[in-house]
Amino acid sequence: MPRRKFVAGNWKMNTTIKSAVELARCLVAKIGQADMDLAVCPPFPYLLAVRDALAGSRIALGAQDVFYENDGAFTGEISAAMLKDAGCTHVICGHSERRHVIGETDEIVNRKLLKALGEGLVPIFCVGELLAERQAARTLEVVSRQVRLGLEGVSAADAARVVLAYEPVWAIGTGVVATPQQAQEVHALIRKLLEELYGPELARRLQIQYGGSVKASNARELLHCPDIDGALVGGASLKAEEFEGIVRAGL
């Protein structure tokens, strides 16, 4: 059985409550019933408003991050239970901007992934190399480490609920996009790693998205590579027409 495509929009630190709701309503009108897995991840303050705007559509609500504790004195953090209470079904874990701007380690990403799974959320688990690491021919080494450490302690039953996203850091927000050949090579490596960790059947079933300057004009080539199962979209997800074009490219 072929894997379903999954396109998710990461709105990052963008929108106002008004523009977030308008964007969500526009997406519902354009792709709200598309035969594909879909999600948008707005900023935390707008989760409830966007949830209401998405009601009745096939577009799931996701969050951009989660903390690894249940509750307590963790100023500025947000728990998995809070996200569920706000209507989230998905959450991004280990986005490159969390790793390389905020300083999250593989161990922190792993703790967040485990907490999300424990609370019944679908984690979108991100991995990817820096430009210097690619130039030093360390892509496979870096991605392998991130996959193995991120999934440390994750059972096969829980791994079946994980979505992976390969996002080369050098392609995020730069306008530079990995070629389909470059992206497919790393996606195939990730699937091989998953086969080593969890067996061939589970590895065949898991969705692996590509992220990094995806837009309507390059989505078709990427989304039709054999091991690329969708996209984690940044800037282009803030424009309804662009996001719609990416979704249509994957149908």
C-alpha atoms as a PDB file:
ATOM      1  CA  MET A   1       0.000   0.000   0.000  1.00  0.00           C
ATOM      2  CA  PRO A   2       1.519   3.366  -1.000  1.00  0.00           C
ATOM      3  CA  ARG A   3       2.286   5.875   1.729  1.00  0.00           C
ATOM      4  CA  ARG A   4       0.004   8.893   1.935  1.00  0.00           C
ATOM      5  CA  LYS A   5       1.587  12.244   1.270  1.00  0.00           C
ATOM      6  CA  PHE A   6       1.698  14.647   4.225  1.00  0.00           C
ATOM      7  CA  VAL A   7       2.170  18.399   3.753  1.00  0.00           C
ATOM      8  CA  ALA A   8       2.477  20.558   6.873  1.00  0.00           C
ATOM      9  CA  GLY A   9       2.877  24.316   7.151  1.00  0.00           C
ATOM     10  CA  ASN A  10       5.172  25.772   9.810  1.00  0.00           C
ATOM     11  CA  TRP A  11       4.165  29.407  10.241  1.00  0.00           C
ATOM     12  CA  LYS A  12       7.101  30.068  12.612  1.00  0.00           C
ATOM     13  CA  MET A  13       7.027  33.493  14.362  1.00  0.00           C
ATOM     14  CA  ASN A  14       4.689  35.067  11.833  1.00  0.00           C
ATOM     15  CA  THR A  15       1.064  36.276  11.487  1.00  0.00           C
ATOM     16  CA  THR A  16      -1.280  38.188  13.761  1.00  0.00           C
ATOM     17  CA  ILE A  17      -4.458  36.673  15.129  1.00  0.00           C
ATOM     18  CA  LYS A  18      -6.385  38.297  12.265  1.00  0.00           C
ATOM     19  CA  SER A  19      -4.035  37.153   9.501  1.00  0.00           C
ATOM     20  CA  ALA A  20      -3.681  33.677  11.037  1.00  0.00           C
ATOM     21  CA  VAL A  21      -7.451  33.150  10.997  1.00  0.00           C
ATOM     22  CA  GLU A  22      -7.746  34.577   7.485  1.00  0.00           C
ATOM     23  CA  LEU A  23      -4.993  32.263   6.242  1.00  0.00           C
ATOM     24  CA  ALA A  24      -6.572  29.236   7.912  1.00  0.00           C
ATOM     25  CA  ARG A  25      -9.991  30.017   6.421  1.00  0.00           C
ATOM     26  CA  CYS A  26      -8.458  30.492   2.987  1.00  0.00           C
ATOM     27  CA  LEU A  27      -6.688  27.134   3.216  1.00  0.00           C
ATOM     28  CA  VAL A  28      -9.904  25.440   4.271  1.00  0.00           C
ATOM     29  CA  ALA A  29     -11.631  26.866   1.201  1.00  0.00           C
ATOM     30  CA  LYS A  30      -8.834  25.849  -1.156  1.00  0.00           C
ATOM     31  CA  ILE A  31      -7.566  22.492   0.159  1.00  0.00           C
ATOM     32  CA  GLY A  32      -9.658  21.705   3.211  1.00  0.00           C
ATOM     33  CA  GLN A  33     -10.942  18.447   1.736  1.00  0.00           C
ATOM     34  CA  ALA A  34      -7.849  17.413  -0.260  1.00  0.00           C
ATOM     35  CA  ASP A  35      -7.144  13.674  -0.179  1.00  0.00           C
ATOM     36  CA  MET A  36      -3.860  14.018   1.657  1.00  0.00           C
ATOM     37  CA  ASP A  37      -2.596  14.371   5.227  1.00  0.00           C
ATOM     38  CA  LEU A  38      -2.438  18.090   6.026  1.00  0.00           C
ATOM     39  CA  ALA A  39      -1.515  20.222   9.013  1.00  0.00           C
ATOM     40  CA  VAL A  40      -0.645  23.795   9.914  1.00  0.00           C
ATOM     41  CA  CYS A  41       1.445  24.885  12.890  1.00  0.00           C
ATOM     42  CA  PRO A  42       0.640  28.467  13.934  1.00  0.00           C
ATOM     43  CA  PRO A  43       2.252  30.386  16.816  1.00  0.00           C
ATOM     44  CA  PHE A  44       1.080  29.314  20.269  1.00  0.00           C
ATOM     45  CA  PRO A  45      -1.142  32.371  20.972  1.00  0.00           C
ATOM     46  CA  TYR A  46      -3.240  31.654  17.889  1.00  0.00           C
ATOM     47  CA  LEU A  47      -3.818  27.916  18.304  1.00  0.00           C
ATOM     48  CA  LEU A  48      -7.395  28.231  19.559  1.00  0.00           C
ATOM     49  CA  ALA A  49      -8.455  30.709  16.896  1.00  0.00           C
ATOM     50  CA  VAL A  50      -6.885  28.658  14.104  1.00  0.00           C
ATOM     51  CA  ARG A  51      -8.422  25.482  15.533  1.00  0.00           C
ATOM     52  CA  ASP A  52     -11.861  27.033  15.192  1.00  0.00           C
ATOM     53  CA  ALA A  53     -11.117  28.237  11.667  1.00  0.00           C
ATOM     54  CA  LEU A  54     -10.055  24.720  10.618  1.00  0.00           C
ATOM     55  CA  ALA A  55     -13.168  23.039  12.034  1.00  0.00           C
ATOM     56  CA  GLY A  56     -14.826  20.616   9.606  1.00  0.00           C
ATOM     57  CA  SER A  57     -11.796  20.408   7.326  1.00  0.00           C
ATOM     58  CA  ARG A  58      -9.135  17.728   6.923  1.00  0.00           C
ATOM     59  CA  ILE A  59      -6.395  20.133   8.004  1.00  0.00           C
ATOM     60  CA  ALA A  60      -4.960  19.124  11.371  1.00  0.00           C
ATOM     61  CA  LEU A  61      -3.693  21.568  13.974  1.00  0.00           C
ATOM     62  CA  GLY A  62      -0.060  21.298  14.990  1.00  0.00           C
ATOM     63  CA  ALA A  63       2.288  23.165  17.308  1.00  0.00           C
ATOM     64  CA  GLN A  64       5.826  24.322  16.635  1.00  0.00           C
ATOM     65  CA  ASP A  65       7.390  22.949  19.824  1.00  0.00           C
ATOM     66  CA  VAL A  66       6.665  21.211  23.124  1.00  0.00           C
ATOM     67  CA  PHE A  67       8.399  20.892  26.504  1.00  0.00           C
ATOM     68  CA  TYR A  68       9.347  17.560  28.036  1.00  0.00           C
ATOM     69  CA  GLU A  69       7.802  18.071  31.500  1.00  0.00           C
ATOM     70  CA  ASN A  70       4.141  17.755  32.405  1.00  0.00           C
ATOM     71  CA  ASP A  71       3.823  21.000  34.384  1.00  0.00           C
ATOM     72  CA  GLY A  72       5.661  23.147  36.900  1.00  0.00           C
ATOM     73  CA  ALA A  73       7.995  26.127  37.149  1.00  0.00           C
ATOM     74  CA  PHE A  74       9.089  26.284  33.508  1.00  0.00           C
ATOM     75  CA  THR A  75       8.408  29.879  32.495  1.00  0.00           C
ATOM     76  CA  GLY A  76       7.637  30.309  28.823  1.00  0.00           C
ATOM     77  CA  GLU A  77       7.306  26.605  28.050  1.00  0.00           C
ATOM     78  CA  ILE A  78       4.230  24.669  26.916  1.00  0.00           C
ATOM     79  CA  SER A  79       3.311  21.098  27.749  1.00  0.00           C
ATOM     80  CA  ALA A  80       1.964  18.321  25.562  1.00  0.00           C
ATOM     81  CA  ALA A  81      -1.211  18.230  27.636  1.00  0.00           C
ATOM     82  CA  MET A  82      -1.745  21.950  27.004  1.00  0.00           C
ATOM     83  CA  LEU A  83      -1.317  21.431  23.273  1.00  0.00           C
ATOM     84  CA  LYS A  84      -3.854  18.609  23.274  1.00  0.00           C
ATOM     85  CA  ASP A  85      -6.231  20.767  25.298  1.00  0.00           C
ATOM     86  CA  ALA A  86      -5.927  23.440  22.601  1.00  0.00           C
ATOM     87  CA  GLY A  87      -6.854  20.927  19.897  1.00  0.00           C
ATOM     88  CA  CYS A  88      -3.421  19.997  18.572  1.00  0.00           C
ATOM     89  CA  THR A  89      -2.831  16.543  17.135  1.00  0.00           C
ATOM     90  CA  HIS A  90       0.710  17.171  15.832  1.00  0.00           C
ATOM     91  CA  VAL A  91       3.839  18.872  17.117  1.00  0.00           C
ATOM     92  CA  ILE A  92       7.211  19.679  15.539  1.00  0.00           C
ATOM     93  CA  CYS A  93      10.202  18.310  17.476  1.00  0.00           C
ATOM     94  CA  GLY A  94      13.799  19.250  16.764  1.00  0.00           C
ATOM     95  CA  HIS A  95      13.287  21.841  14.042  1.00  0.00           C
ATOM     96  CA  SER A  96      16.676  23.131  12.874  1.00  0.00           C
ATOM     97  CA  GLU A  97      15.933  26.605  14.229  1.00  0.00           C
ATOM     98  CA  ARG A  98      15.349  25.073  17.664  1.00  0.00           C
ATOM     99  CA  ARG A  99      18.608  23.144  17.352  1.00  0.00           C
ATOM    100  CA  HIS A 100      20.866  25.811  15.858  1.00  0.00           C
ATOM    101  CA  VAL A 101      19.325  29.093  17.056  1.00  0.00           C
ATOM    102  CA  ILE A 102      17.958  28.052  20.453  1.00  0.00           C
ATOM    103  CA  GLY A 103      20.613  25.396  21.109  1.00  0.00           C
ATOM    104  CA  GLU A 104      18.580  22.215  21.579  1.00  0.00           C
ATOM    105  CA  THR A 105      20.661  19.046  21.718  1.00  0.00           C
ATOM    106  CA  ASP A 106      19.785  15.603  20.369  1.00  0.00           C
ATOM    107  CA  GLU A 107      19.046  14.572  23.969  1.00  0.00           C
ATOM    108  CA  ILE A 108      16.549  17.417  24.478  1.00  0.00           C
ATOM    109  CA  VAL A 109      14.874  16.616  21.160  1.00  0.00           C
ATOM    110  CA  ASN A 110      14.606  12.981  22.253  1.00  0.00           C
ATOM    111  CA  ARG A 111      12.951  13.950  25.540  1.00  0.00           C
ATOM    112  CA  LYS A 112      10.442  16.131  23.702  1.00  0.00           C
ATOM    113  CA  LEU A 113       9.720  13.364  21.200  1.00  0.00           C
ATOM    114  CA  LEU A 114       9.108  10.851  23.974  1.00  0.00           C
ATOM    115  CA  LYS A 115       6.806  13.262  25.813  1.00  0.00           C
ATOM    116  CA  ALA A 116       4.795  14.016  22.672  1.00  0.00           C
ATOM    117  CA  LEU A 117       4.358  10.301  21.973  1.00  0.00           C
ATOM    118  CA  GLY A 118       3.443   9.610  25.583  1.00  0.00           C
ATOM    119  CA  GLU A 119       0.652  12.179  25.391  1.00  0.00           C
ATOM    120  CA  GLY A 120      -0.704  10.846  22.101  1.00  0.00           C
ATOM    121  CA  LEU A 121       0.564  13.630  19.836  1.00  0.00           C
ATOM    122  CA  VAL A 122       2.072  12.911  16.416  1.00  0.00           C
ATOM    123  CA  PRO A 123       5.631  14.271  16.427  1.00  0.00           C
ATOM    124  CA  ILE A 124       7.124  15.694  13.249  1.00  0.00           C
ATOM    125  CA  PHE A 125      10.731  14.822  14.039  1.00  0.00           C
ATOM    126  CA  CYS A 126      13.218  17.001  12.147  1.00  0.00           C
ATOM    127  CA  VAL A 127      16.784  16.173  11.186  1.00  0.00           C
ATOM    128  CA  GLY A 128      19.277  17.842   8.859  1.00  0.00           C
ATOM    129  CA  GLU A 129      22.853  19.003   8.381  1.00  0.00           C
ATOM    130  CA  LEU A 130      24.532  22.396   8.282  1.00  0.00           C
ATOM    131  CA  LEU A 131      26.152  23.691   5.102  1.00  0.00           C
ATOM    132  CA  ALA A 132      29.643  23.149   6.561  1.00  0.00           C
ATOM    133  CA  GLU A 133      28.724  19.557   7.393  1.00  0.00           C
ATOM    134  CA  ARG A 134      27.523  18.899   3.847  1.00  0.00           C
ATOM    135  CA  GLN A 135      30.640  20.508   2.402  1.00  0.00           C
ATOM    136  CA  ALA A 136      32.741  18.257   4.641  1.00  0.00           C
ATOM    137  CA  ALA A 137      30.850  15.196   3.338  1.00  0.00           C
ATOM    138  CA  ARG A 138      29.369  14.592   6.808  1.00  0.00           C
ATOM    139  CA  THR A 139      25.678  14.644   5.827  1.00  0.00           C
ATOM    140  CA  LEU A 140      25.079  10.933   6.315  1.00  0.00           C
ATOM    141  CA  GLU A 141      27.013  10.895   9.598  1.00  0.00           C
ATOM    142  CA  VAL A 142      25.104  13.858  11.044  1.00  0.00           C
ATOM    143  CA  VAL A 143      21.663  12.701   9.946  1.00  0.00           C
ATOM    144  CA  SER A 144      22.334   9.164  11.175  1.00  0.00           C
ATOM    145  CA  ARG A 145      23.317  10.482  14.610  1.00  0.00           C
ATOM    146  CA  GLN A 146      20.248  12.706  14.839  1.00  0.00           C
ATOM    147  CA  VAL A 147      17.897   9.877  13.842  1.00  0.00           C
ATOM    148  CA  ARG A 148      19.414   7.340  16.234  1.00  0.00           C
ATOM    149  CA  LEU A 149      19.620   9.657  19.242  1.00  0.00           C
ATOM    150  CA  GLY A 150      16.238  11.245  18.571  1.00  0.00           C
ATOM    151  CA  LEU A 151      14.536   7.844  18.520  1.00  0.00           C
ATOM    152  CA  GLU A 152      16.433   6.497  21.543  1.00  0.00           C
ATOM    153  CA  GLY A 153      13.962   4.600  23.742  1.00  0.00           C
ATOM    154  CA  VAL A 154      11.104   4.857  21.219  1.00  0.00           C
ATOM    155  CA  SER A 155       9.366   1.505  20.845  1.00  0.00           C
ATOM    156  CA  ALA A 156       8.292   0.130  17.489  1.00  0.00           C
ATOM    157  CA  ALA A 157       4.652   0.738  18.444  1.00  0.00           C
ATOM    158  CA  ASP A 158       5.366   4.397  19.168  1.00  0.00           C
ATOM    159  CA  ALA A 159       7.715   4.795  16.208  1.00  0.00           C
ATOM    160  CA  ALA A 160       4.799   3.882  13.959  1.00  0.00           C
ATOM    161  CA  ARG A 161       3.248   7.248  14.925  1.00  0.00           C
ATOM    162  CA  VAL A 162       6.328   9.360  14.153  1.00  0.00           C
ATOM    163  CA  VAL A 163       6.641  11.502  11.029  1.00  0.00           C
ATOM    164  CA  LEU A 164      10.212  12.347  10.061  1.00  0.00           C
ATOM    165  CA  ALA A 165      11.269  15.483   8.216  1.00  0.00           C
ATOM    166  CA  TYR A 166      14.621  15.888   6.506  1.00  0.00           C
ATOM    167  CA  GLU A 167      15.434  19.577   6.337  1.00  0.00           C
ATOM    168  CA  PRO A 168      18.970  20.517   5.309  1.00  0.00           C
ATOM    169  CA  VAL A 169      19.744  23.634   7.332  1.00  0.00           C
ATOM    170  CA  TRP A 170      21.454  25.282   4.359  1.00  0.00           C
ATOM    171  CA  ALA A 171      18.164  25.177   2.425  1.00  0.00           C
ATOM    172  CA  ILE A 172      15.858  26.636   5.085  1.00  0.00           C
ATOM    173  CA  GLY A 173      14.751  30.166   4.326  1.00  0.00           C
ATOM    174  CA  THR A 174      17.662  30.654   1.919  1.00  0.00           C
ATOM    175  CA  GLY A 175      15.879  30.114  -1.366  1.00  0.00           C
ATOM    176  CA  VAL A 176      18.315  27.275  -2.019  1.00  0.00           C
ATOM    177  CA  VAL A 177      16.615  23.911  -2.304  1.00  0.00           C
ATOM    178  CA  ALA A 178      18.183  20.483  -2.278  1.00  0.00           C
ATOM    179  CA  THR A 179      18.006  18.862  -5.687  1.00  0.00           C
ATOM    180  CA  PRO A 180      15.581  15.939  -5.897  1.00  0.00           C
ATOM    181  CA  GLN A 181      18.645  13.673  -6.129  1.00  0.00           C
ATOM    182  CA  GLN A 182      20.220  15.141  -2.964  1.00  0.00           C
ATOM    183  CA  ALA A 183      16.969  14.937  -1.039  1.00  0.00           C
ATOM    184  CA  GLN A 184      16.147  11.420  -2.218  1.00  0.00           C
ATOM    185  CA  GLU A 185      19.615  10.188  -1.208  1.00  0.00           C
ATOM    186  CA  VAL A 186      19.146  11.316   2.386  1.00  0.00           C
ATOM    187  CA  HIS A 187      15.538  10.137   2.557  1.00  0.00           C
ATOM    188  CA  ALA A 188      16.664   6.689   1.393  1.00  0.00           C
ATOM    189  CA  LEU A 189      19.351   6.692   4.088  1.00  0.00           C
ATOM    190  CA  ILE A 190      16.777   7.584   6.748  1.00  0.00           C
ATOM    191  CA  ARG A 191      14.509   4.772   5.593  1.00  0.00           C
ATOM    192  CA  LYS A 192      17.438   2.351   5.724  1.00  0.00           C
ATOM    193  CA  LEU A 193      18.184   3.483   9.291  1.00  0.00           C
ATOM    194  CA  LEU A 194      14.550   2.982  10.234  1.00  0.00           C
ATOM    195  CA  GLU A 195      14.734  -0.523   8.780  1.00  0.00           C
ATOM    196  CA  GLU A 196      17.752  -1.261  10.974  1.00  0.00           C
ATOM    197  CA  LEU A 197      15.990   0.101  14.041  1.00  0.00           C
ATOM    198  CA  TYR A 198      12.469  -1.217  13.518  1.00  0.00           C
ATOM    199  CA  GLY A 199      12.415  -3.658  10.603  1.00  0.00           C
ATOM    200  CA  PRO A 200      11.476  -3.355   6.923  1.00  0.00           C
ATOM    201  CA  GLU A 201       7.700  -3.311   7.310  1.00  0.00           C
ATOM    202  CA  LEU A 202       7.618  -0.309   9.644  1.00  0.00           C
ATOM    203  CA  ALA A 203      10.323   1.476   7.637  1.00  0.00           C
ATOM    204  CA  ARG A 204       8.194   1.156   4.500  1.00  0.00           C
ATOM    205  CA  ARG A 205       5.161   2.646   6.253  1.00  0.00           C
ATOM    206  CA  LEU A 206       6.702   5.717   7.889  1.00  0.00           C
ATOM    207  CA  GLN A 207       6.268   9.108   6.252  1.00  0.00           C
ATOM    208  CA  ILE A 208       9.409  11.173   5.646  1.00  0.00           C
ATOM    209  CA  GLN A 209       8.842  14.793   4.640  1.00  0.00           C
ATOM    210  CA  TYR A 210      11.304  17.146   2.967  1.00  0.00           C
ATOM    211  CA  GLY A 211      11.728  20.688   4.260  1.00  0.00           C
ATOM    212  CA  GLY A 212      13.819  23.539   2.914  1.00  0.00           C
ATOM    213  CA  SER A 213      12.617  26.302   0.567  1.00  0.00           C
ATOM    214  CA  VAL A 214       9.790  24.157  -0.809  1.00  0.00           C
ATOM    215  CA  LYS A 215       7.434  26.094  -3.047  1.00  0.00           C
ATOM    216  CA  ALA A 216       4.823  25.362  -5.687  1.00  0.00           C
ATOM    217  CA  SER A 217       7.366  25.581  -8.505  1.00  0.00           C
ATOM    218  CA  ASN A 218       9.685  22.856  -7.162  1.00  0.00           C
ATOM    219  CA  ALA A 219       7.279  20.694  -5.179  1.00  0.00           C
ATOM    220  CA  ARG A 220       6.293  18.253  -7.915  1.00  0.00           C
ATOM    221  CA  GLU A 221       9.830  17.018  -8.572  1.00  0.00           C
ATOM    222  CA  LEU A 222      10.518  16.603  -4.875  1.00  0.00           C
ATOM    223  CA  LEU A 223       7.222  15.027  -3.854  1.00  0.00           C
ATOM    224  CA  HIS A 224       7.408  12.363  -6.533  1.00  0.00           C
ATOM    225  CA  CYS A 225      10.777  10.976  -5.447  1.00  0.00           C
ATOM    226  CA  PRO A 226      10.298   7.398  -4.181  1.00  0.00           C
ATOM    227  CA  ASP A 227      11.197   8.079  -0.526  1.00  0.00           C
ATOM    228  CA  ILE A 228       9.835  11.620  -0.147  1.00  0.00           C
ATOM    229  CA  ASP A 229       6.362  11.490   1.359  1.00  0.00           C
ATOM    230  CA  GLY A 230       5.479  15.143   1.656  1.00  0.00           C
ATOM    231  CA  ALA A 231       6.828  18.486   2.790  1.00  0.00           C
ATOM    232  CA  LEU A 232       7.331  20.562   5.905  1.00  0.00           C
ATOM    233  CA  VAL A 233       6.818  24.020   4.454  1.00  0.00           C
ATOM    234  CA  GLY A 234       8.049  27.274   5.981  1.00  0.00           C
ATOM    235  CA  GLY A 235       7.718  30.617   4.209  1.00  0.00           C
ATOM    236  CA  ALA A 236       5.530  29.307   1.396  1.00  0.00           C
ATOM    237  CA  SER A 237       2.939  28.113   3.928  1.00  0.00           C
ATOM    238  CA  LEU A 238       2.154  31.755   4.740  1.00  0.00           C
ATOM    239  CA  LYS A 239       0.773  32.258   1.224  1.00  0.00           C
ATOM    240  CA  ALA A 240      -2.418  30.317   0.581  1.00  0.00           C
ATOM    241  CA  GLU A 241      -1.846  30.054  -3.171  1.00  0.00           C
ATOM    242  CA  GLU A 242       1.712  28.755  -2.739  1.00  0.00           C
ATOM    243  CA  PHE A 243       0.696  26.229  -0.105  1.00  0.00           C
ATOM    244  CA  GLU A 244      -2.199  25.103  -2.264  1.00  0.00           C
ATOM    245  CA  GLY A 245       0.209  24.625  -5.184  1.00  0.00           C
ATOM    246  CA  ILE A 246       2.476  22.439  -3.061  1.00  0.00           C
ATOM    247  CA  VAL A 247      -0.460  20.320  -1.942  1.00  0.00           C
ATOM    248  CA  ARG A 248      -1.772  19.952  -5.504  1.00  0.00           C
ATOM    249  CA  ALA A 249       1.730  18.911  -6.635  1.00  0.00           C
ATOM    250  CA  GLY A 250       1.587  15.968  -4.275  1.00  0.00           C
ATOM    251  CA  LEU A 251      -1.849  14.679  -5.238  1.00  0.00           C
END
